[in-house]
């Protein structure tokens, strides 16, 4: 059943992404053929790009190139674990990753994928930042961190914001039960053995993610990039209802897909191959839609002439 899939090449290295910023980069591509599109992955909190190898290999075998940068303070990239200069600096990470991907594959459609915290970042980046210099055919958010499943009371949130302004780099442990990430025991074991994951978050990062998630929902109608939002119905780490609310506010530009019985890491769930096939199909649809739009514009210009 997989006879049509292509063999895959992989490489990884430390790369300078501009302004003296070095990041550890992972790259996958179909071997012996040109990719029809490129997907840049923005990983979640405490994670790193290498944990998406299964997803990247599957998509690359379908003809996509895939790139993932370990964000600052994550994986093999420099920076104190779980500490950020500002939320805007995280949006800069998204921009650097996408710019690097464009440099590697300049003549094909480009897409963004964000998982959990990464989902928060790609949605906020698409709404807040000028994308004119970086063409983007679409973005995908998996289990985006937009709203907490158990939202704290506002008085508690205000106290947290007050403390974050005074002790922004104070780190707090954020342990996670691996069973909440995935139902797959092999994926759970791999997470526990992974030397590059961490679970320590600064107060500034925690407050920024909470506030930016709520901001994104409030401003969802301003999204101008086609988006696929996917969430497991049994996710207890980020809120499926927050994703649904974002999709409803954004309107027809967003395709929303709920995966029944799945938990947080859709790319590591037993249903992952179905998830990857759905993702690849949606990306191809955006390429076709873009071609039709450009053909329509060219046709209209021809009539006007």
C-alpha atoms as a PDB file:
ATOM      1  CA  UNK A   1       0.000   0.000   0.000  1.00  0.00           C
ATOM      2  CA  UNK A   2       3.020   2.309   0.383  1.00  0.00           C
ATOM      3  CA  UNK A   3       4.680   1.380  -2.938  1.00  0.00           C
ATOM      4  CA  UNK A   4       4.043   4.894  -4.274  1.00  0.00           C
ATOM      5  CA  UNK A   5       5.949   6.605  -1.470  1.00  0.00           C
ATOM      6  CA  UNK A   6       9.375   8.146  -2.108  1.00  0.00           C
ATOM      7  CA  UNK A   7      12.581   7.420  -0.164  1.00  0.00           C
ATOM      8  CA  UNK A   8      13.583  10.275   2.143  1.00  0.00           C
ATOM      9  CA  UNK A   9      16.811  12.167   2.812  1.00  0.00           C
ATOM     10  CA  UNK A  10      17.568  13.754   6.199  1.00  0.00           C
ATOM     11  CA  UNK A  11      20.197  16.100   7.560  1.00  0.00           C
ATOM     12  CA  UNK A  12      20.608  18.298  10.637  1.00  0.00           C
ATOM     13  CA  UNK A  13      23.067  21.000  11.636  1.00  0.00           C
ATOM     14  CA  UNK A  14      23.564  24.196  13.579  1.00  0.00           C
ATOM     15  CA  UNK A  15      22.675  27.117  11.290  1.00  0.00           C
ATOM     16  CA  UNK A  16      22.997  30.898  11.567  1.00  0.00           C
ATOM     17  CA  UNK A  17      19.564  32.372  10.870  1.00  0.00           C
ATOM     18  CA  UNK A  18      20.548  36.042  10.805  1.00  0.00           C
ATOM     19  CA  UNK A  19      21.418  38.680  13.435  1.00  0.00           C
ATOM     20  CA  UNK A  20      23.929  36.266  14.927  1.00  0.00           C
ATOM     21  CA  UNK A  21      21.171  33.845  15.945  1.00  0.00           C
ATOM     22  CA  UNK A  22      22.144  30.173  15.652  1.00  0.00           C
ATOM     23  CA  UNK A  23      19.576  27.371  15.785  1.00  0.00           C
ATOM     24  CA  UNK A  24      19.713  23.629  15.379  1.00  0.00           C
ATOM     25  CA  UNK A  25      17.853  22.718  12.178  1.00  0.00           C
ATOM     26  CA  UNK A  26      16.373  19.396  10.998  1.00  0.00           C
ATOM     27  CA  UNK A  27      15.559  18.892   7.278  1.00  0.00           C
ATOM     28  CA  UNK A  28      13.762  16.102   5.423  1.00  0.00           C
ATOM     29  CA  UNK A  29      13.098  15.865   1.675  1.00  0.00           C
ATOM     30  CA  UNK A  30      12.021  13.295  -0.916  1.00  0.00           C
ATOM     31  CA  UNK A  31      15.089  11.646  -2.446  1.00  0.00           C
ATOM     32  CA  UNK A  32      15.616  11.860  -6.189  1.00  0.00           C
ATOM     33  CA  UNK A  33      12.753  14.233  -6.951  1.00  0.00           C
ATOM     34  CA  UNK A  34      11.830  17.869  -6.424  1.00  0.00           C
ATOM     35  CA  UNK A  35       9.343  18.509  -3.586  1.00  0.00           C
ATOM     36  CA  UNK A  36       5.960  20.001  -4.496  1.00  0.00           C
ATOM     37  CA  UNK A  37       5.807  22.014  -1.261  1.00  0.00           C
ATOM     38  CA  UNK A  38       7.663  22.781   1.957  1.00  0.00           C
ATOM     39  CA  UNK A  39       6.311  22.578   5.511  1.00  0.00           C
ATOM     40  CA  UNK A  40       8.101  24.453   8.316  1.00  0.00           C
ATOM     41  CA  UNK A  41       7.421  22.986  11.767  1.00  0.00           C
ATOM     42  CA  UNK A  42       7.248  25.109  14.932  1.00  0.00           C
ATOM     43  CA  UNK A  43       7.334  22.718  17.875  1.00  0.00           C
ATOM     44  CA  UNK A  44       5.667  22.994  21.274  1.00  0.00           C
ATOM     45  CA  UNK A  45       6.941  23.986  24.702  1.00  0.00           C
ATOM     46  CA  UNK A  46       9.779  21.842  26.044  1.00  0.00           C
ATOM     47  CA  UNK A  47       9.941  19.995  22.741  1.00  0.00           C
ATOM     48  CA  UNK A  48      12.305  20.054  19.756  1.00  0.00           C
ATOM     49  CA  UNK A  49      12.216  19.513  16.008  1.00  0.00           C
ATOM     50  CA  UNK A  50      13.636  15.998  16.154  1.00  0.00           C
ATOM     51  CA  UNK A  51      10.506  14.715  17.878  1.00  0.00           C
ATOM     52  CA  UNK A  52       8.626  15.251  14.595  1.00  0.00           C
ATOM     53  CA  UNK A  53      10.778  12.775  12.666  1.00  0.00           C
ATOM     54  CA  UNK A  54       7.899  10.324  12.177  1.00  0.00           C
ATOM     55  CA  UNK A  55       5.615  13.003  10.797  1.00  0.00           C
ATOM     56  CA  UNK A  56       8.378  14.553   8.670  1.00  0.00           C
ATOM     57  CA  UNK A  57       9.425  11.217   7.165  1.00  0.00           C
ATOM     58  CA  UNK A  58       5.833  10.376   6.306  1.00  0.00           C
ATOM     59  CA  UNK A  59       5.198  13.754   4.638  1.00  0.00           C
ATOM     60  CA  UNK A  60       8.552  13.723   2.825  1.00  0.00           C
ATOM     61  CA  UNK A  61       7.703  10.295   1.419  1.00  0.00           C
ATOM     62  CA  UNK A  62       4.581  11.963  -0.052  1.00  0.00           C
ATOM     63  CA  UNK A  63       6.710  14.556  -1.838  1.00  0.00           C
ATOM     64  CA  UNK A  64       7.000  17.391   0.705  1.00  0.00           C
ATOM     65  CA  UNK A  65      10.172  18.908   2.063  1.00  0.00           C
ATOM     66  CA  UNK A  66      10.001  19.484   5.826  1.00  0.00           C
ATOM     67  CA  UNK A  67      12.106  21.708   8.040  1.00  0.00           C
ATOM     68  CA  UNK A  68      12.065  22.135  11.831  1.00  0.00           C
ATOM     69  CA  UNK A  69      14.221  24.469  13.932  1.00  0.00           C
ATOM     70  CA  UNK A  70      14.761  23.916  17.641  1.00  0.00           C
ATOM     71  CA  UNK A  71      13.467  27.185  19.099  1.00  0.00           C
ATOM     72  CA  UNK A  72      15.610  29.306  21.408  1.00  0.00           C
ATOM     73  CA  UNK A  73      16.015  27.580  24.783  1.00  0.00           C
ATOM     74  CA  UNK A  74      14.862  24.245  23.335  1.00  0.00           C
ATOM     75  CA  UNK A  75      16.484  21.100  22.010  1.00  0.00           C
ATOM     76  CA  UNK A  76      20.026  21.638  20.779  1.00  0.00           C
ATOM     77  CA  UNK A  77      19.621  25.372  20.190  1.00  0.00           C
ATOM     78  CA  UNK A  78      21.271  27.843  22.584  1.00  0.00           C
ATOM     79  CA  UNK A  79      19.415  29.676  25.320  1.00  0.00           C
ATOM     80  CA  UNK A  80      18.341  29.069  28.893  1.00  0.00           C
ATOM     81  CA  UNK A  81      15.644  26.402  28.995  1.00  0.00           C
ATOM     82  CA  UNK A  82      12.113  27.829  29.004  1.00  0.00           C
ATOM     83  CA  UNK A  83      13.243  31.488  29.176  1.00  0.00           C
ATOM     84  CA  UNK A  84      12.385  34.161  26.583  1.00  0.00           C
ATOM     85  CA  UNK A  85      13.270  37.826  26.085  1.00  0.00           C
ATOM     86  CA  UNK A  86       9.711  38.633  25.009  1.00  0.00           C
ATOM     87  CA  UNK A  87       6.751  37.104  23.215  1.00  0.00           C
ATOM     88  CA  UNK A  88       7.730  39.077  20.102  1.00  0.00           C
ATOM     89  CA  UNK A  89      11.075  37.273  20.139  1.00  0.00           C
ATOM     90  CA  UNK A  90       9.174  33.992  19.740  1.00  0.00           C
ATOM     91  CA  UNK A  91       7.354  35.400  16.710  1.00  0.00           C
ATOM     92  CA  UNK A  92      10.810  36.279  15.362  1.00  0.00           C
ATOM     93  CA  UNK A  93      11.676  32.574  15.692  1.00  0.00           C
ATOM     94  CA  UNK A  94       8.745  31.719  13.408  1.00  0.00           C
ATOM     95  CA  UNK A  95       9.910  34.295  10.862  1.00  0.00           C
ATOM     96  CA  UNK A  96      13.513  33.066  10.917  1.00  0.00           C
ATOM     97  CA  UNK A  97      12.425  29.453  10.430  1.00  0.00           C
ATOM     98  CA  UNK A  98      10.224  30.333   7.473  1.00  0.00           C
ATOM     99  CA  UNK A  99      12.915  32.552   5.926  1.00  0.00           C
ATOM    100  CA  UNK A 100      15.446  29.741   6.232  1.00  0.00           C
ATOM    101  CA  UNK A 101      13.014  27.318   4.577  1.00  0.00           C
ATOM    102  CA  UNK A 102      12.496  29.772   1.697  1.00  0.00           C
ATOM    103  CA  UNK A 103      16.258  29.968   1.288  1.00  0.00           C
ATOM    104  CA  UNK A 104      16.515  26.174   1.081  1.00  0.00           C
ATOM    105  CA  UNK A 105      13.571  25.732  -1.319  1.00  0.00           C
ATOM    106  CA  UNK A 106      12.823  29.121  -2.946  1.00  0.00           C
ATOM    107  CA  UNK A 107      10.558  28.112  -5.838  1.00  0.00           C
ATOM    108  CA  UNK A 108       7.850  25.963  -4.238  1.00  0.00           C
ATOM    109  CA  UNK A 109       4.755  26.685  -2.080  1.00  0.00           C
ATOM    110  CA  UNK A 110       5.510  27.142   1.616  1.00  0.00           C
ATOM    111  CA  UNK A 111       3.367  26.246   4.613  1.00  0.00           C
ATOM    112  CA  UNK A 112       3.665  26.570   8.401  1.00  0.00           C
ATOM    113  CA  UNK A 113       2.808  23.928  10.979  1.00  0.00           C
ATOM    114  CA  UNK A 114       2.647  24.691  14.708  1.00  0.00           C
ATOM    115  CA  UNK A 115       2.097  22.157  17.480  1.00  0.00           C
ATOM    116  CA  UNK A 116       0.675  23.250  20.879  1.00  0.00           C
ATOM    117  CA  UNK A 117       2.758  26.335  21.782  1.00  0.00           C
ATOM    118  CA  UNK A 118       3.837  26.330  18.149  1.00  0.00           C
ATOM    119  CA  UNK A 119       0.176  26.467  17.129  1.00  0.00           C
ATOM    120  CA  UNK A 120      -0.236  29.557  19.287  1.00  0.00           C
ATOM    121  CA  UNK A 121       2.830  31.105  17.623  1.00  0.00           C
ATOM    122  CA  UNK A 122       1.939  30.457  13.975  1.00  0.00           C
ATOM    123  CA  UNK A 123      -1.603  31.802  14.410  1.00  0.00           C
ATOM    124  CA  UNK A 124      -0.411  34.912  16.230  1.00  0.00           C
ATOM    125  CA  UNK A 125       2.392  35.435  13.706  1.00  0.00           C
ATOM    126  CA  UNK A 126      -0.056  35.213  10.792  1.00  0.00           C
ATOM    127  CA  UNK A 127      -2.410  37.764  12.390  1.00  0.00           C
ATOM    128  CA  UNK A 128       0.130  40.201  13.849  1.00  0.00           C
ATOM    129  CA  UNK A 129       3.006  40.266  11.359  1.00  0.00           C
ATOM    130  CA  UNK A 130       3.373  41.649   7.838  1.00  0.00           C
ATOM    131  CA  UNK A 131       3.734  38.576   5.609  1.00  0.00           C
ATOM    132  CA  UNK A 132       4.349  40.428   2.329  1.00  0.00           C
ATOM    133  CA  UNK A 133       8.035  39.468   2.177  1.00  0.00           C
ATOM    134  CA  UNK A 134       7.365  35.787   2.987  1.00  0.00           C
ATOM    135  CA  UNK A 135       4.692  34.225   0.734  1.00  0.00           C
ATOM    136  CA  UNK A 136       2.657  31.618   2.594  1.00  0.00           C
ATOM    137  CA  UNK A 137       0.124  29.263   1.013  1.00  0.00           C
ATOM    138  CA  UNK A 138      -1.398  28.171   4.321  1.00  0.00           C
ATOM    139  CA  UNK A 139      -0.807  27.211   7.921  1.00  0.00           C
ATOM    140  CA  UNK A 140      -1.724  24.291  10.153  1.00  0.00           C
ATOM    141  CA  UNK A 141      -2.154  24.352  13.931  1.00  0.00           C
ATOM    142  CA  UNK A 142      -2.163  21.066  15.824  1.00  0.00           C
ATOM    143  CA  UNK A 143      -3.641  21.165  19.340  1.00  0.00           C
ATOM    144  CA  UNK A 144      -2.898  24.911  19.519  1.00  0.00           C
ATOM    145  CA  UNK A 145      -2.306  26.437  22.947  1.00  0.00           C
ATOM    146  CA  UNK A 146      -5.058  29.058  22.833  1.00  0.00           C
ATOM    147  CA  UNK A 147      -7.051  28.462  25.994  1.00  0.00           C
ATOM    148  CA  UNK A 148      -6.346  26.403  29.100  1.00  0.00           C
ATOM    149  CA  UNK A 149      -8.661  23.418  29.723  1.00  0.00           C
ATOM    150  CA  UNK A 150      -9.001  24.768  33.278  1.00  0.00           C
ATOM    151  CA  UNK A 151      -8.836  28.545  33.038  1.00  0.00           C
ATOM    152  CA  UNK A 152      -7.679  30.102  36.348  1.00  0.00           C
ATOM    153  CA  UNK A 153      -9.766  32.832  37.940  1.00  0.00           C
ATOM    154  CA  UNK A 154      -8.952  36.359  36.763  1.00  0.00           C
ATOM    155  CA  UNK A 155      -7.666  37.378  40.213  1.00  0.00           C
ATOM    156  CA  UNK A 156      -5.150  34.533  40.080  1.00  0.00           C
ATOM    157  CA  UNK A 157      -4.175  35.481  36.511  1.00  0.00           C
ATOM    158  CA  UNK A 158      -3.604  39.121  37.517  1.00  0.00           C
ATOM    159  CA  UNK A 159      -1.402  38.008  40.399  1.00  0.00           C
ATOM    160  CA  UNK A 160       0.593  35.847  37.978  1.00  0.00           C
ATOM    161  CA  UNK A 161       1.036  38.758  35.557  1.00  0.00           C
ATOM    162  CA  UNK A 162       2.172  41.013  38.431  1.00  0.00           C
ATOM    163  CA  UNK A 163       4.760  38.435  39.512  1.00  0.00           C
ATOM    164  CA  UNK A 164       5.902  37.820  35.921  1.00  0.00           C
ATOM    165  CA  UNK A 165       6.733  41.530  35.523  1.00  0.00           C
ATOM    166  CA  UNK A 166       8.934  41.445  38.616  1.00  0.00           C
ATOM    167  CA  UNK A 167      10.484  37.991  38.269  1.00  0.00           C
ATOM    168  CA  UNK A 168      10.141  37.286  34.519  1.00  0.00           C
ATOM    169  CA  UNK A 169      12.873  34.648  34.355  1.00  0.00           C
ATOM    170  CA  UNK A 170      11.826  32.724  37.436  1.00  0.00           C
ATOM    171  CA  UNK A 171      11.294  29.190  36.176  1.00  0.00           C
ATOM    172  CA  UNK A 172       8.646  26.825  37.434  1.00  0.00           C
ATOM    173  CA  UNK A 173       8.519  23.083  36.802  1.00  0.00           C
ATOM    174  CA  UNK A 174       5.727  21.980  34.450  1.00  0.00           C
ATOM    175  CA  UNK A 175       5.648  18.180  34.698  1.00  0.00           C
ATOM    176  CA  UNK A 176       3.395  16.305  32.290  1.00  0.00           C
ATOM    177  CA  UNK A 177       1.959  12.813  32.402  1.00  0.00           C
ATOM    178  CA  UNK A 178       3.103  11.183  29.163  1.00  0.00           C
ATOM    179  CA  UNK A 179      -0.251   9.396  28.905  1.00  0.00           C
ATOM    180  CA  UNK A 180      -1.790  12.834  28.236  1.00  0.00           C
ATOM    181  CA  UNK A 181       0.469  13.311  25.223  1.00  0.00           C
ATOM    182  CA  UNK A 182      -0.343  10.090  23.407  1.00  0.00           C
ATOM    183  CA  UNK A 183      -2.002   6.702  23.816  1.00  0.00           C
ATOM    184  CA  UNK A 184       0.936   5.037  22.070  1.00  0.00           C
ATOM    185  CA  UNK A 185       3.223   3.391  24.645  1.00  0.00           C
ATOM    186  CA  UNK A 186       6.220   3.547  22.304  1.00  0.00           C
ATOM    187  CA  UNK A 187       5.736   7.296  21.884  1.00  0.00           C
ATOM    188  CA  UNK A 188       5.435   7.698  25.665  1.00  0.00           C
ATOM    189  CA  UNK A 189       8.661   5.737  26.242  1.00  0.00           C
ATOM    190  CA  UNK A 190      10.484   7.721  23.556  1.00  0.00           C
ATOM    191  CA  UNK A 191       9.468  10.982  25.226  1.00  0.00           C
ATOM    192  CA  UNK A 192      10.716   9.809  28.630  1.00  0.00           C
ATOM    193  CA  UNK A 193      14.070   8.714  27.149  1.00  0.00           C
ATOM    194  CA  UNK A 194      14.573  11.851  25.049  1.00  0.00           C
ATOM    195  CA  UNK A 195      17.531  13.863  26.437  1.00  0.00           C
ATOM    196  CA  UNK A 196      16.514  17.041  24.584  1.00  0.00           C
ATOM    197  CA  UNK A 197      13.063  17.652  26.067  1.00  0.00           C
ATOM    198  CA  UNK A 198      12.630  19.796  29.180  1.00  0.00           C
ATOM    199  CA  UNK A 199       9.738  20.891  31.409  1.00  0.00           C
ATOM    200  CA  UNK A 200      10.775  24.223  32.935  1.00  0.00           C
ATOM    201  CA  UNK A 201       8.885  27.420  32.051  1.00  0.00           C
ATOM    202  CA  UNK A 202       9.645  31.004  33.028  1.00  0.00           C
ATOM    203  CA  UNK A 203       6.854  33.192  34.419  1.00  0.00           C
ATOM    204  CA  UNK A 204       7.208  35.571  31.456  1.00  0.00           C
ATOM    205  CA  UNK A 205       6.729  32.713  28.982  1.00  0.00           C
ATOM    206  CA  UNK A 206       3.748  31.313  30.897  1.00  0.00           C
ATOM    207  CA  UNK A 207       1.966  34.675  31.104  1.00  0.00           C
ATOM    208  CA  UNK A 208       2.751  35.469  27.452  1.00  0.00           C
ATOM    209  CA  UNK A 209       1.314  32.194  26.182  1.00  0.00           C
ATOM    210  CA  UNK A 210      -1.898  32.566  28.160  1.00  0.00           C
ATOM    211  CA  UNK A 211      -2.473  36.167  27.072  1.00  0.00           C
ATOM    212  CA  UNK A 212      -1.481  35.604  23.439  1.00  0.00           C
ATOM    213  CA  UNK A 213      -3.790  32.603  23.151  1.00  0.00           C
ATOM    214  CA  UNK A 214      -6.776  34.620  24.331  1.00  0.00           C
ATOM    215  CA  UNK A 215      -5.715  37.506  22.072  1.00  0.00           C
ATOM    216  CA  UNK A 216      -5.620  35.201  19.061  1.00  0.00           C
ATOM    217  CA  UNK A 217      -9.173  33.988  19.707  1.00  0.00           C
ATOM    218  CA  UNK A 218     -10.407  37.583  20.050  1.00  0.00           C
ATOM    219  CA  UNK A 219      -8.709  38.561  16.774  1.00  0.00           C
ATOM    220  CA  UNK A 220      -9.383  35.365  14.810  1.00  0.00           C
ATOM    221  CA  UNK A 221     -11.532  37.238  12.285  1.00  0.00           C
ATOM    222  CA  UNK A 222      -8.374  39.115  11.183  1.00  0.00           C
ATOM    223  CA  UNK A 223      -6.703  35.937   9.918  1.00  0.00           C
ATOM    224  CA  UNK A 224      -6.029  36.210   6.166  1.00  0.00           C
ATOM    225  CA  UNK A 225      -4.146  32.951   5.556  1.00  0.00           C
ATOM    226  CA  UNK A 226      -5.995  29.667   4.876  1.00  0.00           C
ATOM    227  CA  UNK A 227      -5.625  27.500   7.965  1.00  0.00           C
ATOM    228  CA  UNK A 228      -6.264  23.922   9.030  1.00  0.00           C
ATOM    229  CA  UNK A 229      -6.892  23.552  12.765  1.00  0.00           C
ATOM    230  CA  UNK A 230      -6.750  20.039  14.232  1.00  0.00           C
ATOM    231  CA  UNK A 231      -7.364  18.960  17.805  1.00  0.00           C
ATOM    232  CA  UNK A 232      -7.878  15.656  19.604  1.00  0.00           C
ATOM    233  CA  UNK A 233     -11.232  15.440  21.362  1.00  0.00           C
ATOM    234  CA  UNK A 234      -9.541  13.886  24.438  1.00  0.00           C
ATOM    235  CA  UNK A 235      -6.761  16.469  24.778  1.00  0.00           C
ATOM    236  CA  UNK A 236      -6.509  17.639  28.399  1.00  0.00           C
ATOM    237  CA  UNK A 237      -3.318  19.729  28.000  1.00  0.00           C
ATOM    238  CA  UNK A 238      -4.757  22.351  25.643  1.00  0.00           C
ATOM    239  CA  UNK A 239      -8.419  23.158  25.121  1.00  0.00           C
ATOM    240  CA  UNK A 240     -10.273  21.708  22.092  1.00  0.00           C
ATOM    241  CA  UNK A 241     -13.087  24.232  22.671  1.00  0.00           C
ATOM    242  CA  UNK A 242     -10.616  27.114  22.310  1.00  0.00           C
ATOM    243  CA  UNK A 243      -9.615  25.780  18.889  1.00  0.00           C
ATOM    244  CA  UNK A 244     -13.252  25.412  17.890  1.00  0.00           C
ATOM    245  CA  UNK A 245     -14.005  28.966  19.040  1.00  0.00           C
ATOM    246  CA  UNK A 246     -11.080  30.323  17.002  1.00  0.00           C
ATOM    247  CA  UNK A 247     -12.320  28.480  13.914  1.00  0.00           C
ATOM    248  CA  UNK A 248     -15.872  29.794  14.343  1.00  0.00           C
ATOM    249  CA  UNK A 249     -14.662  33.383  14.750  1.00  0.00           C
ATOM    250  CA  UNK A 250     -12.260  33.120  11.786  1.00  0.00           C
ATOM    251  CA  UNK A 251     -14.961  31.869   9.416  1.00  0.00           C
ATOM    252  CA  UNK A 252     -14.542  30.077   6.107  1.00  0.00           C
ATOM    253  CA  UNK A 253     -10.796  30.703   5.842  1.00  0.00           C
ATOM    254  CA  UNK A 254     -10.328  28.017   8.532  1.00  0.00           C
ATOM    255  CA  UNK A 255     -10.927  24.281   8.176  1.00  0.00           C
ATOM    256  CA  UNK A 256     -11.517  22.708  11.590  1.00  0.00           C
ATOM    257  CA  UNK A 257     -10.965  18.988  12.184  1.00  0.00           C
ATOM    258  CA  UNK A 258     -11.637  17.282  15.521  1.00  0.00           C
ATOM    259  CA  UNK A 259     -10.017  13.855  15.926  1.00  0.00           C
ATOM    260  CA  UNK A 260     -12.291  11.692  18.055  1.00  0.00           C
ATOM    261  CA  UNK A 261     -10.544   9.854  20.891  1.00  0.00           C
ATOM    262  CA  UNK A 262      -7.145  11.450  20.255  1.00  0.00           C
ATOM    263  CA  UNK A 263      -4.989  13.191  22.835  1.00  0.00           C
ATOM    264  CA  UNK A 264      -2.501  16.066  22.614  1.00  0.00           C
ATOM    265  CA  UNK A 265       0.219  14.905  20.187  1.00  0.00           C
ATOM    266  CA  UNK A 266      -1.734  13.974  17.071  1.00  0.00           C
ATOM    267  CA  UNK A 267       1.565  13.247  15.292  1.00  0.00           C
ATOM    268  CA  UNK A 268       2.283  10.488  17.843  1.00  0.00           C
ATOM    269  CA  UNK A 269      -1.185   8.966  18.186  1.00  0.00           C
ATOM    270  CA  UNK A 270      -2.101   5.517  16.794  1.00  0.00           C
ATOM    271  CA  UNK A 271      -4.193   7.335  14.134  1.00  0.00           C
ATOM    272  CA  UNK A 272      -1.192   9.414  13.021  1.00  0.00           C
ATOM    273  CA  UNK A 273      -1.010   8.095   9.434  1.00  0.00           C
ATOM    274  CA  UNK A 274      -4.607   9.242   8.900  1.00  0.00           C
ATOM    275  CA  UNK A 275      -3.657  12.610  10.388  1.00  0.00           C
ATOM    276  CA  UNK A 276      -0.678  12.900   8.006  1.00  0.00           C
ATOM    277  CA  UNK A 277      -2.788  11.922   4.994  1.00  0.00           C
ATOM    278  CA  UNK A 278      -5.406  14.539   5.936  1.00  0.00           C
ATOM    279  CA  UNK A 279      -2.681  17.152   6.363  1.00  0.00           C
ATOM    280  CA  UNK A 280      -1.018  16.371   3.000  1.00  0.00           C
ATOM    281  CA  UNK A 281      -4.395  16.396   1.214  1.00  0.00           C
ATOM    282  CA  UNK A 282      -5.245  19.820   2.658  1.00  0.00           C
ATOM    283  CA  UNK A 283      -1.842  21.235   1.661  1.00  0.00           C
ATOM    284  CA  UNK A 284      -2.334  20.018  -1.920  1.00  0.00           C
ATOM    285  CA  UNK A 285      -5.794  21.591  -1.981  1.00  0.00           C
ATOM    286  CA  UNK A 286      -4.275  24.965  -1.075  1.00  0.00           C
ATOM    287  CA  UNK A 287      -1.769  24.648  -3.912  1.00  0.00           C
ATOM    288  CA  UNK A 288      -4.583  23.896  -6.386  1.00  0.00           C
ATOM    289  CA  UNK A 289      -6.718  26.753  -5.036  1.00  0.00           C
ATOM    290  CA  UNK A 290      -3.825  29.190  -5.377  1.00  0.00           C
ATOM    291  CA  UNK A 291      -3.206  28.127  -8.978  1.00  0.00           C
ATOM    292  CA  UNK A 292      -6.886  28.656  -9.794  1.00  0.00           C
ATOM    293  CA  UNK A 293      -6.823  32.127  -8.210  1.00  0.00           C
ATOM    294  CA  UNK A 294      -3.725  33.135 -10.173  1.00  0.00           C
ATOM    295  CA  UNK A 295      -5.202  31.746 -13.409  1.00  0.00           C
ATOM    296  CA  UNK A 296      -8.395  33.710 -12.720  1.00  0.00           C
ATOM    297  CA  UNK A 297      -6.443  36.923 -12.164  1.00  0.00           C
ATOM    298  CA  UNK A 298      -4.440  36.368 -15.347  1.00  0.00           C
ATOM    299  CA  UNK A 299      -7.655  35.678 -17.281  1.00  0.00           C
ATOM    300  CA  UNK A 300      -9.288  38.840 -15.899  1.00  0.00           C
ATOM    301  CA  UNK A 301      -6.211  40.904 -16.844  1.00  0.00           C
ATOM    302  CA  UNK A 302      -6.402  39.428 -20.337  1.00  0.00           C
ATOM    303  CA  UNK A 303     -10.032  40.467 -20.681  1.00  0.00           C
ATOM    304  CA  UNK A 304      -9.252  43.968 -19.418  1.00  0.00           C
ATOM    305  CA  UNK A 305      -6.473  44.285 -21.970  1.00  0.00           C
END
